[in-house]
């Protein structure tokens, strides 16, 4: 089973309804995270859990449930990398550049050692 996000529409009329929903879902194996939005009437479950199992358990608890969506979790948004600071400008000339060493060795004789 793969990680997935399950969004369910549930009837949430009071704090007790919300607590009951969370207790039922929390008992299931594979649930990593869950959240309830009472205003929208949705329950979001994340983890490696079967959506049919979640719906069946909520219906056994006498809750009206409707599946809105099931799918893979959204990848976290990538943070843009901060731009590299500009390099300081290089000087026009330095001491090492000004030193020129010419080393010529001219030998016309052949030596064998």
Protein backbone atom coordinates (compact mmCIF):
# COMPACT_ATOMS: atom_id res chain seq x y z
CA UNK A 1 0.00 0.00 0.00
CA UNK A 2 1.31 3.44 -0.87
CA UNK A 3 0.94 6.75 0.95
CA UNK A 4 -2.21 8.54 -0.07
CA UNK A 5 -4.52 11.35 0.92
CA UNK A 6 -8.18 10.54 1.50
CA UNK A 7 -10.68 13.40 1.71
CA UNK A 8 -14.10 12.51 3.08
CA UNK A 9 -17.25 14.57 3.51
CA UNK A 10 -18.74 13.95 6.94
CA UNK A 11 -21.49 15.54 9.00
CA UNK A 12 -19.97 17.46 11.90
CA UNK A 13 -22.60 19.11 14.05
CA UNK A 14 -20.75 19.55 17.33
CA UNK A 15 -17.46 19.03 19.13
CA UNK A 16 -18.54 15.51 20.15
CA UNK A 17 -19.05 14.53 16.49
CA UNK A 18 -15.53 15.74 15.68
CA UNK A 19 -14.05 13.82 18.63
CA UNK A 20 -15.87 10.63 17.65
CA UNK A 21 -14.59 10.85 14.06
CA UNK A 22 -11.02 11.33 15.18
CA UNK A 23 -11.21 8.44 17.68
CA UNK A 24 -12.47 6.02 15.01
CA UNK A 25 -9.83 7.02 12.44
CA UNK A 26 -6.98 7.12 14.98
CA UNK A 27 -7.51 3.43 15.78
CA UNK A 28 -6.80 2.36 12.18
CA UNK A 29 -3.37 1.01 11.28
CA UNK A 30 -1.38 3.07 8.77
CA UNK A 31 -2.85 6.49 9.55
CA UNK A 32 -0.01 9.03 9.68
CA UNK A 33 -1.98 12.24 9.91
CA UNK A 34 -5.60 13.34 10.04
CA UNK A 35 -7.39 16.67 10.15
CA UNK A 36 -10.99 17.75 10.47
CA UNK A 37 -12.37 20.94 8.95
CA UNK A 38 -15.69 21.53 10.71
CA UNK A 39 -16.61 24.53 8.55
CA UNK A 40 -16.28 22.58 5.29
CA UNK A 41 -17.38 19.29 6.84
CA UNK A 42 -14.34 17.37 5.62
CA UNK A 43 -12.04 14.80 7.14
CA UNK A 44 -8.59 14.41 5.59
CA UNK A 45 -6.61 11.23 6.30
CA UNK A 46 -2.99 10.76 5.21
CA UNK A 47 -1.06 7.52 5.35
CA UNK A 48 -0.91 3.94 4.16
CA UNK A 49 -4.53 3.09 4.85
CA UNK A 50 -7.30 1.63 2.69
CA UNK A 51 -10.03 4.22 1.93
CA UNK A 52 -12.72 1.52 1.99
CA UNK A 53 -11.65 0.51 5.49
CA UNK A 54 -11.85 4.12 6.70
CA UNK A 55 -15.35 4.56 5.25
CA UNK A 56 -16.56 1.23 6.69
CA UNK A 57 -15.28 2.04 10.17
CA UNK A 58 -16.92 5.47 10.14
CA UNK A 59 -20.23 3.98 8.96
CA UNK A 60 -20.05 1.38 11.77
CA UNK A 61 -19.77 4.35 14.13
CA UNK A 62 -23.06 5.60 12.59
CA UNK A 63 -21.49 8.53 10.72
CA UNK A 64 -22.66 9.64 7.28
CA UNK A 65 -19.59 9.52 5.01
CA UNK A 66 -19.02 10.43 1.37
CA UNK A 67 -15.68 10.04 -0.44
CA UNK A 68 -14.56 13.27 -2.09
CA UNK A 69 -11.11 12.26 -3.33
CA UNK A 70 -8.38 9.64 -2.99
CA UNK A 71 -4.92 10.18 -4.37
CA UNK A 72 -1.21 10.52 -3.76
CA UNK A 73 -0.05 13.29 -1.43
CA UNK A 74 1.05 16.53 -3.02
CA UNK A 75 4.82 16.99 -3.02
CA UNK A 76 6.00 19.77 -0.77
CA UNK A 77 6.61 23.00 -2.64
CA UNK A 78 10.23 23.48 -3.58
CA UNK A 79 11.86 26.41 -1.92
CA UNK A 80 13.70 28.59 -4.38
CA UNK A 81 17.40 28.63 -3.74
CA UNK A 82 18.70 32.00 -2.68
CA UNK A 83 20.84 33.56 -5.38
CA UNK A 84 24.57 33.38 -4.85
CA UNK A 85 26.05 36.64 -3.65
CA UNK A 86 27.98 38.41 -6.39
CA UNK A 87 31.70 37.92 -6.33
CA UNK A 88 33.77 40.96 -5.44
CA UNK A 89 35.34 42.60 -8.47
CA UNK A 90 38.89 41.52 -9.16
CA UNK A 91 41.67 44.10 -9.10
CA UNK A 92 43.07 45.12 -12.44
CA UNK A 93 46.55 43.88 -11.60
CA UNK A 94 48.33 42.27 -8.67
CA UNK A 95 51.89 41.70 -7.55
CA UNK A 96 52.08 38.15 -8.84
CA UNK A 97 51.03 39.27 -12.31
CA UNK A 98 53.75 41.90 -12.52
CA UNK A 99 56.59 39.53 -11.77
CA UNK A 100 57.79 37.96 -14.96
CA UNK A 101 60.58 35.46 -14.85
CA UNK A 102 62.39 34.50 -17.97
CA UNK A 103 64.66 31.55 -17.67
CA UNK A 104 66.48 30.59 -20.80
CA UNK A 105 69.02 27.86 -20.89
CA UNK A 106 70.79 27.40 -24.11
CA UNK A 107 73.32 24.65 -24.35
CA UNK A 108 74.98 23.60 -27.50
CA UNK A 109 77.09 20.93 -25.95
CA UNK A 110 75.87 17.40 -25.53
CA UNK A 111 76.65 15.66 -22.34
CA UNK A 112 76.11 12.02 -21.62
CA UNK A 113 76.39 10.84 -18.13
